[in-house]
Amino acid sequence: MKKTIYLSLTVVLFSAVVNAQSNVASLKKGEKSLKQEEKVIKSERKAERQALRKLKGNNVSDQAKQAFIRDFGNLPGTKWERTENFDEASFVKKGITMTAFYDADASLVGTVQSKKFQDLPAKAQKVINEKYKDYTKGAVILFDDNESNTSDMVLYNQQFDDADNYFIQLKKDNKEMVLKVSMSGDVSFFTQVK
């Protein structure tokens, strides 16, 4: 009788161990498939992104002006400029000075507005204060992406995947650089200015 009970317990224990190992293996397999799924989504987004097209002519398009009015209203004092890739509208709304960027299809790519160092996420402030303590902090801007437009953005003559980010200029001696700061506070080198 004791042998039967021990044998039964051994079988139950053995199947529990095998089942647990199977669950761990399937969890690991699930993690791998999630990572593979993320890669596929990322590559699909990259393929989806519109190629940055240069604008033709010197005049701001009427379509961009009409899109601006739909997006922000008919704001007095709006100044327009055509650059190589965008029609740019500089304006003040609710006391905030902003610039809106419209692509070749007269679609809003995003907006930029001035910020202060204290507006950066605390994590980023700490990293910059520690890692770049010998640098003088310069202008800080916030790029607010229009998520429905897949066009890339160009800031500081550098093209980047559009996403909401802060940018801060740092200067030391005759070197000037720009750091990119994510909304979660991750800091990365963006470009060298001088």
N, C-alpha and C. Protein backbone atom coordinates (compact mmCIF):
# COMPACT_ATOMS: atom_id res chain seq x y z
N MET A 1 0.81 -1.19 0.00
CA MET A 1 0.00 0.00 0.00
C MET A 1 0.86 1.26 0.00
N LYS A 2 1.91 1.26 0.84
CA LYS A 2 2.79 2.42 0.89
C LYS A 2 3.48 2.62 -0.45
N LYS A 3 3.86 1.49 -1.08
CA LYS A 3 4.53 1.60 -2.38
C LYS A 3 3.59 2.22 -3.41
N THR A 4 2.32 1.89 -3.36
CA THR A 4 1.35 2.42 -4.29
C THR A 4 1.18 3.93 -4.07
N ILE A 5 1.13 4.35 -2.82
CA ILE A 5 0.99 5.78 -2.50
C ILE A 5 2.23 6.53 -2.97
N TYR A 6 3.42 5.99 -2.67
CA TYR A 6 4.67 6.64 -3.11
C TYR A 6 4.75 6.71 -4.62
N LEU A 7 4.33 5.63 -5.26
CA LEU A 7 4.36 5.58 -6.71
C LEU A 7 3.39 6.63 -7.28
N SER A 8 2.21 6.74 -6.69
CA SER A 8 1.22 7.72 -7.14
C SER A 8 1.74 9.15 -6.93
N LEU A 9 2.31 9.41 -5.77
CA LEU A 9 2.88 10.73 -5.49
C LEU A 9 4.02 11.06 -6.45
N THR A 10 4.84 10.06 -6.75
CA THR A 10 5.95 10.26 -7.67
C THR A 10 5.42 10.62 -9.06
N VAL A 11 4.38 9.92 -9.51
CA VAL A 11 3.80 10.19 -10.82
C VAL A 11 3.21 11.61 -10.85
N VAL A 12 2.49 11.99 -9.79
CA VAL A 12 1.90 13.33 -9.72
C VAL A 12 3.00 14.39 -9.71
N LEU A 13 4.01 14.19 -8.91
CA LEU A 13 5.13 15.12 -8.82
C LEU A 13 5.85 15.24 -10.16
N PHE A 14 6.08 14.10 -10.79
CA PHE A 14 6.76 14.09 -12.09
C PHE A 14 5.95 14.87 -13.13
N SER A 15 4.62 14.63 -13.17
CA SER A 15 3.81 15.36 -14.14
C SER A 15 3.74 16.85 -13.83
N ALA A 16 3.78 17.23 -12.55
CA ALA A 16 3.79 18.65 -12.20
C ALA A 16 5.07 19.31 -12.69
N VAL A 17 6.20 18.62 -12.52
CA VAL A 17 7.49 19.17 -12.97
C VAL A 17 7.50 19.31 -14.49
N VAL A 18 7.03 18.27 -15.19
CA VAL A 18 7.00 18.33 -16.65
C VAL A 18 6.07 19.44 -17.12
N ASN A 19 4.93 19.59 -16.48
CA ASN A 19 3.97 20.64 -16.84
C ASN A 19 4.57 22.02 -16.59
N ALA A 20 5.27 22.19 -15.47
CA ALA A 20 5.90 23.48 -15.16
C ALA A 20 6.97 23.82 -16.19
N GLN A 21 7.77 22.80 -16.56
CA GLN A 21 8.80 23.04 -17.57
C GLN A 21 8.16 23.42 -18.91
N SER A 22 7.05 22.78 -19.22
CA SER A 22 6.34 23.08 -20.45
C SER A 22 5.81 24.51 -20.43
N ASN A 23 5.29 24.94 -19.27
CA ASN A 23 4.79 26.32 -19.15
C ASN A 23 5.92 27.33 -19.30
N VAL A 24 7.08 27.06 -18.68
CA VAL A 24 8.24 27.95 -18.79
C VAL A 24 8.69 28.03 -20.25
N ALA A 25 8.73 26.88 -20.92
CA ALA A 25 9.14 26.87 -22.33
C ALA A 25 8.16 27.67 -23.18
N SER A 26 6.86 27.51 -22.91
CA SER A 26 5.89 28.26 -23.71
C SER A 26 5.95 29.75 -23.39
N LEU A 27 6.26 30.13 -22.14
CA LEU A 27 6.44 31.54 -21.80
C LEU A 27 7.62 32.13 -22.57
N LYS A 28 8.73 31.38 -22.60
CA LYS A 28 9.90 31.85 -23.34
C LYS A 28 9.58 31.97 -24.82
N LYS A 29 8.84 30.99 -25.33
CA LYS A 29 8.45 31.03 -26.73
C LYS A 29 7.55 32.24 -26.98
N GLY A 30 6.65 32.53 -26.03
CA GLY A 30 5.76 33.69 -26.14
C GLY A 30 6.54 34.99 -26.15
N GLU A 31 7.58 35.08 -25.30
CA GLU A 31 8.42 36.29 -25.27
C GLU A 31 9.11 36.47 -26.60
N LYS A 32 9.63 35.35 -27.17
CA LYS A 32 10.30 35.45 -28.47
C LYS A 32 9.33 35.89 -29.55
N SER A 33 8.12 35.34 -29.52
CA SER A 33 7.17 35.73 -30.56
C SER A 33 6.74 37.19 -30.39
N LEU A 34 6.65 37.68 -29.15
CA LEU A 34 6.34 39.09 -28.93
C LEU A 34 7.44 39.98 -29.51
N LYS A 35 8.69 39.59 -29.27
CA LYS A 35 9.80 40.37 -29.80
C LYS A 35 9.79 40.34 -31.32
N GLN A 36 9.49 39.17 -31.90
CA GLN A 36 9.41 39.08 -33.35
C GLN A 36 8.27 39.94 -33.89
N GLU A 37 7.14 39.93 -33.18
CA GLU A 37 5.99 40.75 -33.56
C GLU A 37 6.35 42.23 -33.54
N GLU A 38 7.08 42.65 -32.49
CA GLU A 38 7.50 44.05 -32.39
C GLU A 38 8.39 44.43 -33.56
N LYS A 39 9.29 43.52 -33.96
CA LYS A 39 10.17 43.80 -35.09
C LYS A 39 9.37 43.95 -36.37
N VAL A 40 8.38 43.09 -36.56
CA VAL A 40 7.54 43.16 -37.75
C VAL A 40 6.78 44.48 -37.78
N ILE A 41 6.20 44.86 -36.65
CA ILE A 41 5.45 46.12 -36.57
C ILE A 41 6.36 47.30 -36.88
N LYS A 42 7.57 47.27 -36.30
CA LYS A 42 8.53 48.35 -36.54
C LYS A 42 8.89 48.45 -38.02
N SER A 43 9.14 47.30 -38.66
CA SER A 43 9.51 47.34 -40.08
C SER A 43 8.32 47.77 -40.94
N GLU A 44 7.09 47.38 -40.54
CA GLU A 44 5.91 47.84 -41.28
C GLU A 44 5.76 49.35 -41.17
N ARG A 45 5.97 49.89 -39.98
CA ARG A 45 5.89 51.34 -39.80
C ARG A 45 6.93 52.04 -40.64
N LYS A 46 8.14 51.47 -40.68
CA LYS A 46 9.21 52.07 -41.46
C LYS A 46 8.84 52.08 -42.95
N ALA A 47 8.27 50.97 -43.42
CA ALA A 47 7.86 50.90 -44.83
C ALA A 47 6.71 51.85 -45.11
N GLU A 48 5.86 52.06 -44.11
CA GLU A 48 4.71 52.94 -44.23
C GLU A 48 5.09 54.41 -44.31
N ARG A 49 6.21 54.75 -43.67
CA ARG A 49 6.60 56.16 -43.61
C ARG A 49 6.76 56.74 -45.00
N GLN A 50 6.32 57.95 -45.13
CA GLN A 50 6.42 58.62 -46.41
C GLN A 50 7.84 59.14 -46.59
N ALA A 51 8.30 59.03 -47.82
CA ALA A 51 9.62 59.60 -48.12
C ALA A 51 9.52 61.12 -48.01
N LEU A 52 10.54 61.71 -47.46
CA LEU A 52 10.56 63.16 -47.30
C LEU A 52 10.80 63.77 -48.68
N ARG A 53 9.83 64.53 -49.14
CA ARG A 53 9.92 65.12 -50.47
C ARG A 53 10.26 66.59 -50.36
N LYS A 54 11.08 67.03 -51.30
CA LYS A 54 11.43 68.45 -51.35
C LYS A 54 10.27 69.21 -51.98
N LEU A 55 10.04 70.40 -51.47
CA LEU A 55 8.96 71.23 -52.00
C LEU A 55 9.47 71.99 -53.22
N LYS A 56 8.59 72.15 -54.19
CA LYS A 56 8.96 72.88 -55.41
C LYS A 56 8.44 74.31 -55.30
N GLY A 57 9.18 75.23 -55.87
CA GLY A 57 8.76 76.63 -55.87
C GLY A 57 9.16 77.34 -54.59
N ASN A 58 8.89 78.63 -54.59
CA ASN A 58 9.29 79.46 -53.45
C ASN A 58 8.11 79.91 -52.59
N ASN A 59 6.90 79.68 -53.07
CA ASN A 59 5.72 80.18 -52.36
C ASN A 59 5.07 79.08 -51.51
N VAL A 60 4.60 79.48 -50.35
CA VAL A 60 3.87 78.58 -49.46
C VAL A 60 2.59 78.16 -50.18
N SER A 61 2.25 76.89 -50.10
CA SER A 61 1.05 76.41 -50.80
C SER A 61 -0.22 76.89 -50.10
N ASP A 62 -1.23 77.18 -50.92
CA ASP A 62 -2.53 77.58 -50.38
C ASP A 62 -3.15 76.42 -49.58
N GLN A 63 -2.86 75.18 -50.00
CA GLN A 63 -3.39 74.00 -49.29
C GLN A 63 -2.84 73.94 -47.86
N ALA A 64 -1.56 74.28 -47.70
CA ALA A 64 -0.96 74.29 -46.35
C ALA A 64 -1.63 75.36 -45.49
N LYS A 65 -1.89 76.52 -46.09
CA LYS A 65 -2.55 77.60 -45.33
C LYS A 65 -3.96 77.20 -44.91
N GLN A 66 -4.68 76.54 -45.81
CA GLN A 66 -6.03 76.08 -45.48
C GLN A 66 -5.99 74.99 -44.40
N ALA A 67 -5.02 74.09 -44.52
CA ALA A 67 -4.87 73.03 -43.50
C ALA A 67 -4.55 73.65 -42.15
N PHE A 68 -3.71 74.69 -42.13
CA PHE A 68 -3.37 75.37 -40.89
C PHE A 68 -4.63 75.95 -40.23
N ILE A 69 -5.46 76.59 -41.03
CA ILE A 69 -6.70 77.18 -40.48
C ILE A 69 -7.59 76.09 -39.89
N ARG A 70 -7.68 74.93 -40.57
CA ARG A 70 -8.46 73.80 -40.02
C ARG A 70 -7.84 73.28 -38.73
N ASP A 71 -6.50 73.24 -38.68
CA ASP A 71 -5.81 72.67 -37.52
C ASP A 71 -5.77 73.61 -36.32
N PHE A 72 -5.56 74.91 -36.57
CA PHE A 72 -5.32 75.84 -35.47
C PHE A 72 -6.26 77.04 -35.42
N GLY A 73 -7.01 77.26 -36.48
CA GLY A 73 -7.87 78.43 -36.54
C GLY A 73 -7.22 79.53 -37.36
N ASN A 74 -7.96 80.58 -37.63
CA ASN A 74 -7.46 81.71 -38.41
C ASN A 74 -6.79 82.69 -37.44
N LEU A 75 -5.52 82.45 -37.15
CA LEU A 75 -4.81 83.23 -36.15
C LEU A 75 -4.12 84.44 -36.78
N PRO A 76 -4.39 85.63 -36.25
CA PRO A 76 -3.72 86.82 -36.79
C PRO A 76 -2.22 86.78 -36.45
N GLY A 77 -1.44 87.35 -37.35
CA GLY A 77 0.00 87.44 -37.10
C GLY A 77 0.78 86.18 -37.46
N THR A 78 0.14 85.21 -38.09
CA THR A 78 0.84 83.98 -38.50
C THR A 78 1.82 84.33 -39.62
N LYS A 79 3.07 83.89 -39.46
CA LYS A 79 4.10 84.15 -40.46
C LYS A 79 4.45 82.84 -41.15
N TRP A 80 4.48 82.87 -42.48
CA TRP A 80 4.75 81.68 -43.27
C TRP A 80 6.12 81.74 -43.93
N GLU A 81 6.72 80.57 -44.07
CA GLU A 81 8.01 80.46 -44.76
C GLU A 81 8.07 79.10 -45.45
N ARG A 82 8.60 79.08 -46.65
CA ARG A 82 8.81 77.81 -47.35
C ARG A 82 10.28 77.44 -47.21
N THR A 83 10.53 76.24 -46.70
CA THR A 83 11.89 75.72 -46.62
C THR A 83 12.01 74.57 -47.62
N GLU A 84 13.12 73.90 -47.59
CA GLU A 84 13.36 72.83 -48.56
C GLU A 84 12.31 71.72 -48.48
N ASN A 85 11.89 71.36 -47.26
CA ASN A 85 10.99 70.22 -47.09
C ASN A 85 9.61 70.56 -46.53
N PHE A 86 9.45 71.76 -45.99
CA PHE A 86 8.20 72.08 -45.30
C PHE A 86 7.74 73.51 -45.58
N ASP A 87 6.42 73.68 -45.47
CA ASP A 87 5.85 75.01 -45.33
C ASP A 87 5.69 75.20 -43.83
N GLU A 88 6.29 76.27 -43.30
CA GLU A 88 6.32 76.49 -41.85
C GLU A 88 5.48 77.71 -41.48
N ALA A 89 4.63 77.51 -40.48
CA ALA A 89 3.80 78.61 -39.98
C ALA A 89 4.22 78.90 -38.55
N SER A 90 4.68 80.12 -38.29
CA SER A 90 5.02 80.55 -36.92
C SER A 90 3.86 81.37 -36.40
N PHE A 91 3.41 81.06 -35.18
CA PHE A 91 2.21 81.70 -34.65
C PHE A 91 2.21 81.64 -33.13
N VAL A 92 1.28 82.38 -32.55
CA VAL A 92 1.08 82.38 -31.10
C VAL A 92 -0.35 81.93 -30.84
N LYS A 93 -0.50 80.92 -30.00
CA LYS A 93 -1.82 80.43 -29.63
C LYS A 93 -1.86 80.25 -28.12
N LYS A 94 -2.81 80.89 -27.48
CA LYS A 94 -2.96 80.85 -26.02
C LYS A 94 -1.66 81.25 -25.33
N GLY A 95 -0.97 82.24 -25.89
CA GLY A 95 0.24 82.77 -25.31
C GLY A 95 1.49 81.94 -25.56
N ILE A 96 1.38 80.87 -26.33
CA ILE A 96 2.52 79.99 -26.62
C ILE A 96 2.95 80.18 -28.07
N THR A 97 4.24 80.51 -28.26
CA THR A 97 4.79 80.66 -29.60
C THR A 97 5.15 79.28 -30.14
N MET A 98 4.65 78.99 -31.33
CA MET A 98 4.85 77.68 -31.93
C MET A 98 5.18 77.81 -33.40
N THR A 99 5.71 76.74 -33.97
CA THR A 99 5.90 76.63 -35.41
C THR A 99 5.28 75.30 -35.83
N ALA A 100 4.43 75.35 -36.87
CA ALA A 100 3.80 74.15 -37.42
C ALA A 100 4.48 73.84 -38.75
N PHE A 101 4.69 72.55 -39.01
CA PHE A 101 5.38 72.10 -40.22
C PHE A 101 4.42 71.29 -41.09
N TYR A 102 4.28 71.71 -42.35
CA TYR A 102 3.40 71.02 -43.29
C TYR A 102 4.24 70.43 -44.42
N ASP A 103 3.96 69.17 -44.78
CA ASP A 103 4.74 68.48 -45.81
C ASP A 103 4.23 68.81 -47.22
N ALA A 104 4.75 68.12 -48.22
CA ALA A 104 4.40 68.37 -49.62
C ALA A 104 2.92 68.12 -49.90
N ASP A 105 2.26 67.32 -49.07
CA ASP A 105 0.84 67.04 -49.23
C ASP A 105 -0.02 67.99 -48.41
N ALA A 106 0.58 69.03 -47.85
CA ALA A 106 -0.10 70.02 -47.01
C ALA A 106 -0.70 69.35 -45.77
N SER A 107 -0.03 68.33 -45.26
CA SER A 107 -0.45 67.65 -44.02
C SER A 107 0.48 68.06 -42.88
N LEU A 108 -0.10 68.29 -41.73
CA LEU A 108 0.68 68.67 -40.56
C LEU A 108 1.60 67.53 -40.15
N VAL A 109 2.92 67.80 -40.09
CA VAL A 109 3.89 66.82 -39.62
C VAL A 109 4.02 66.91 -38.11
N GLY A 110 4.04 68.14 -37.60
CA GLY A 110 4.15 68.35 -36.16
C GLY A 110 4.39 69.81 -35.85
N THR A 111 4.51 70.09 -34.56
CA THR A 111 4.77 71.45 -34.11
C THR A 111 5.99 71.48 -33.21
N VAL A 112 6.59 72.66 -33.12
CA VAL A 112 7.73 72.88 -32.25
C VAL A 112 7.42 74.09 -31.38
N GLN A 113 7.79 74.00 -30.11
CA GLN A 113 7.65 75.15 -29.22
C GLN A 113 8.82 75.18 -28.25
N SER A 114 9.18 76.39 -27.82
CA SER A 114 10.28 76.56 -26.88
C SER A 114 9.87 76.07 -25.50
N LYS A 115 10.83 75.48 -24.82
CA LYS A 115 10.62 75.00 -23.45
C LYS A 115 11.82 75.42 -22.62
N LYS A 116 11.78 75.09 -21.33
CA LYS A 116 12.89 75.36 -20.42
C LYS A 116 13.50 74.03 -19.97
N PHE A 117 14.72 74.10 -19.49
CA PHE A 117 15.39 72.89 -19.02
C PHE A 117 14.54 72.18 -17.96
N GLN A 118 13.87 72.95 -17.12
CA GLN A 118 13.04 72.39 -16.05
C GLN A 118 11.82 71.64 -16.60
N ASP A 119 11.48 71.85 -17.87
CA ASP A 119 10.36 71.14 -18.48
C ASP A 119 10.72 69.71 -18.89
N LEU A 120 12.02 69.42 -18.99
CA LEU A 120 12.45 68.07 -19.35
C LEU A 120 12.08 67.10 -18.24
N PRO A 121 11.86 65.84 -18.57
CA PRO A 121 11.60 64.84 -17.52
C PRO A 121 12.75 64.83 -16.50
N ALA A 122 12.43 64.60 -15.23
CA ALA A 122 13.42 64.64 -14.15
C ALA A 122 14.59 63.70 -14.43
N LYS A 123 14.30 62.54 -14.97
CA LYS A 123 15.35 61.55 -15.28
C LYS A 123 16.37 62.15 -16.26
N ALA A 124 15.88 62.87 -17.27
CA ALA A 124 16.77 63.48 -18.27
C ALA A 124 17.57 64.62 -17.66
N GLN A 125 16.94 65.42 -16.82
CA GLN A 125 17.66 66.52 -16.16
C GLN A 125 18.83 65.97 -15.36
N LYS A 126 18.61 64.89 -14.65
CA LYS A 126 19.66 64.29 -13.83
C LYS A 126 20.81 63.79 -14.71
N VAL A 127 20.49 63.08 -15.80
CA VAL A 127 21.52 62.55 -16.70
C VAL A 127 22.33 63.69 -17.30
N ILE A 128 21.65 64.73 -17.77
CA ILE A 128 22.35 65.85 -18.42
C ILE A 128 23.20 66.60 -17.40
N ASN A 129 22.68 66.82 -16.21
CA ASN A 129 23.46 67.52 -15.18
C ASN A 129 24.70 66.72 -14.76
N GLU A 130 24.62 65.40 -14.78
CA GLU A 130 25.77 64.57 -14.39
C GLU A 130 26.75 64.37 -15.55
N LYS A 131 26.23 63.94 -16.69
CA LYS A 131 27.09 63.57 -17.82
C LYS A 131 27.63 64.77 -18.59
N TYR A 132 26.90 65.88 -18.59
CA TYR A 132 27.29 67.05 -19.36
C TYR A 132 27.44 68.28 -18.46
N LYS A 133 27.97 68.06 -17.27
CA LYS A 133 28.07 69.16 -16.29
C LYS A 133 28.99 70.29 -16.75
N ASP A 134 29.94 70.00 -17.64
CA ASP A 134 30.86 71.02 -18.13
C ASP A 134 30.30 71.81 -19.31
N TYR A 135 29.10 71.47 -19.74
CA TYR A 135 28.48 72.11 -20.90
C TYR A 135 27.50 73.20 -20.45
N THR A 136 27.38 74.23 -21.28
CA THR A 136 26.40 75.27 -21.04
C THR A 136 25.10 74.85 -21.73
N LYS A 137 24.02 74.92 -20.98
CA LYS A 137 22.72 74.53 -21.53
C LYS A 137 22.17 75.68 -22.37
N GLY A 138 21.69 75.32 -23.56
CA GLY A 138 21.11 76.32 -24.46
C GLY A 138 19.61 76.09 -24.63
N ALA A 139 19.15 76.38 -25.83
CA ALA A 139 17.72 76.29 -26.13
C ALA A 139 17.18 74.88 -25.96
N VAL A 140 15.96 74.80 -25.47
CA VAL A 140 15.23 73.53 -25.35
C VAL A 140 13.95 73.69 -26.15
N ILE A 141 13.67 72.72 -27.01
CA ILE A 141 12.42 72.74 -27.76
C ILE A 141 11.70 71.41 -27.59
N LEU A 142 10.40 71.45 -27.81
CA LEU A 142 9.58 70.24 -27.78
C LEU A 142 8.99 70.06 -29.17
N PHE A 143 9.26 68.90 -29.78
CA PHE A 143 8.62 68.55 -31.04
C PHE A 143 7.43 67.67 -30.70
N ASP A 144 6.24 68.12 -31.10
CA ASP A 144 5.00 67.37 -30.88
C ASP A 144 4.56 66.81 -32.22
N ASP A 145 4.69 65.51 -32.38
CA ASP A 145 4.42 64.82 -33.63
C ASP A 145 2.93 64.70 -33.90
N ASN A 146 2.55 64.83 -35.15
CA ASN A 146 1.19 64.51 -35.58
C ASN A 146 1.20 63.03 -35.93
N GLU A 147 0.70 62.21 -35.02
CA GLU A 147 0.78 60.76 -35.16
C GLU A 147 0.09 60.24 -36.42
N SER A 148 -0.87 60.98 -36.97
CA SER A 148 -1.58 60.49 -38.15
C SER A 148 -0.80 60.73 -39.45
N ASN A 149 0.31 61.45 -39.38
CA ASN A 149 1.15 61.70 -40.55
C ASN A 149 2.44 60.91 -40.38
N THR A 150 2.78 60.08 -41.35
CA THR A 150 3.97 59.23 -41.23
C THR A 150 5.24 59.85 -41.80
N SER A 151 5.17 61.10 -42.24
CA SER A 151 6.37 61.77 -42.75
C SER A 151 7.38 61.97 -41.63
N ASP A 152 8.66 61.83 -41.98
CA ASP A 152 9.72 62.12 -41.02
C ASP A 152 9.85 63.62 -40.85
N MET A 153 10.55 64.01 -39.81
CA MET A 153 10.78 65.41 -39.51
C MET A 153 12.26 65.73 -39.67
N VAL A 154 12.57 66.99 -39.90
CA VAL A 154 13.95 67.45 -39.98
C VAL A 154 14.11 68.61 -39.01
N LEU A 155 15.01 68.45 -38.06
CA LEU A 155 15.39 69.52 -37.14
C LEU A 155 16.90 69.54 -37.07
N TYR A 156 17.47 70.72 -36.97
CA TYR A 156 18.93 70.88 -36.92
C TYR A 156 19.59 70.19 -38.11
N ASN A 157 18.95 70.28 -39.28
CA ASN A 157 19.43 69.65 -40.51
C ASN A 157 19.59 68.14 -40.39
N GLN A 158 18.86 67.53 -39.50
CA GLN A 158 18.96 66.10 -39.25
C GLN A 158 17.55 65.49 -39.34
N GLN A 159 17.40 64.50 -40.22
CA GLN A 159 16.11 63.82 -40.35
C GLN A 159 15.99 62.75 -39.25
N PHE A 160 14.78 62.60 -38.72
CA PHE A 160 14.58 61.57 -37.69
C PHE A 160 13.16 61.03 -37.76
N ASP A 161 12.99 59.83 -37.20
CA ASP A 161 11.66 59.23 -37.11
C ASP A 161 10.81 60.14 -36.24
N ASP A 162 9.66 60.45 -36.74
CA ASP A 162 8.82 61.37 -35.99
C ASP A 162 8.26 60.72 -34.74
N ALA A 163 8.42 61.39 -33.65
CA ALA A 163 7.89 61.01 -32.34
C ALA A 163 8.03 62.23 -31.46
N ASP A 164 7.20 62.32 -30.44
CA ASP A 164 7.32 63.45 -29.52
C ASP A 164 8.67 63.36 -28.81
N ASN A 165 9.44 64.42 -28.87
CA ASN A 165 10.76 64.47 -28.24
C ASN A 165 11.11 65.90 -27.87
N TYR A 166 11.92 66.01 -26.83
CA TYR A 166 12.56 67.29 -26.52
C TYR A 166 13.93 67.28 -27.19
N PHE A 167 14.44 68.48 -27.47
CA PHE A 167 15.80 68.64 -27.98
C PHE A 167 16.44 69.76 -27.18
N ILE A 168 17.68 69.54 -26.75
CA ILE A 168 18.40 70.55 -25.98
C ILE A 168 19.77 70.76 -26.59
N GLN A 169 20.13 72.04 -26.74
CA GLN A 169 21.45 72.38 -27.26
C GLN A 169 22.41 72.53 -26.08
N LEU A 170 23.60 71.98 -26.25
CA LEU A 170 24.65 72.09 -25.24
C LEU A 170 25.90 72.63 -25.92
N LYS A 171 26.65 73.47 -25.18
CA LYS A 171 27.84 74.08 -25.75
C LYS A 171 29.00 73.97 -24.77
N LYS A 172 30.18 73.64 -25.31
CA LYS A 172 31.41 73.59 -24.52
C LYS A 172 32.54 74.03 -25.45
N ASP A 173 33.26 75.05 -25.02
CA ASP A 173 34.32 75.64 -25.84
C ASP A 173 33.72 76.04 -27.19
N ASN A 174 34.27 75.50 -28.27
CA ASN A 174 33.73 75.85 -29.59
C ASN A 174 32.88 74.72 -30.17
N LYS A 175 32.53 73.74 -29.34
CA LYS A 175 31.70 72.62 -29.79
C LYS A 175 30.27 72.82 -29.32
N GLU A 176 29.34 72.55 -30.24
CA GLU A 176 27.94 72.65 -29.89
C GLU A 176 27.24 71.39 -30.39
N MET A 177 26.42 70.80 -29.54
CA MET A 177 25.70 69.59 -29.93
C MET A 177 24.26 69.67 -29.48
N VAL A 178 23.46 68.76 -30.01
CA VAL A 178 22.05 68.67 -29.65
C VAL A 178 21.78 67.27 -29.14
N LEU A 179 21.10 67.19 -27.99
CA LEU A 179 20.68 65.91 -27.43
C LEU A 179 19.18 65.76 -27.66
N LYS A 180 18.75 64.51 -27.86
CA LYS A 180 17.33 64.21 -28.00
C LYS A 180 16.89 63.56 -26.69
N VAL A 181 15.75 64.00 -26.18
CA VAL A 181 15.22 63.48 -24.91
C VAL A 181 13.80 62.96 -25.16
N SER A 182 13.60 61.68 -24.89
CA SER A 182 12.26 61.10 -25.08
C SER A 182 11.33 61.59 -23.97
N MET A 183 10.07 61.36 -24.16
CA MET A 183 9.08 61.79 -23.18
C MET A 183 9.25 61.03 -21.86
N SER A 184 9.88 59.86 -21.92
CA SER A 184 10.13 59.09 -20.69
C SER A 184 11.45 59.47 -20.03
N GLY A 185 12.23 60.36 -20.67
CA GLY A 185 13.45 60.87 -20.06
C GLY A 185 14.72 60.22 -20.54
N ASP A 186 14.66 59.37 -21.58
CA ASP A 186 15.88 58.78 -22.14
C ASP A 186 16.62 59.84 -22.95
N VAL A 187 17.92 59.92 -22.73
CA VAL A 187 18.75 60.94 -23.38
C VAL A 187 19.67 60.28 -24.39
N SER A 188 19.73 60.84 -25.60
CA SER A 188 20.65 60.32 -26.60
C SER A 188 21.23 61.47 -27.43
N PHE A 189 22.41 61.24 -27.99
CA PHE A 189 23.05 62.22 -28.86
C PHE A 189 22.20 62.34 -30.12
N PHE A 190 21.97 63.58 -30.59
CA PHE A 190 21.19 63.77 -31.81
C PHE A 190 22.07 64.24 -32.97
N THR A 191 22.80 65.36 -32.77
CA THR A 191 23.66 65.85 -33.84
C THR A 191 24.68 66.84 -33.30
N GLN A 192 25.75 66.99 -34.03
CA GLN A 192 26.78 68.00 -33.75
C GLN A 192 26.41 69.24 -34.54
N VAL A 193 26.39 70.41 -33.90
CA VAL A 193 26.04 71.64 -34.60
C VAL A 193 27.29 72.32 -35.12
N LYS A 194 28.31 72.44 -34.28
CA LYS A 194 29.58 73.07 -34.71
C LYS A 194 30.72 72.15 -34.41
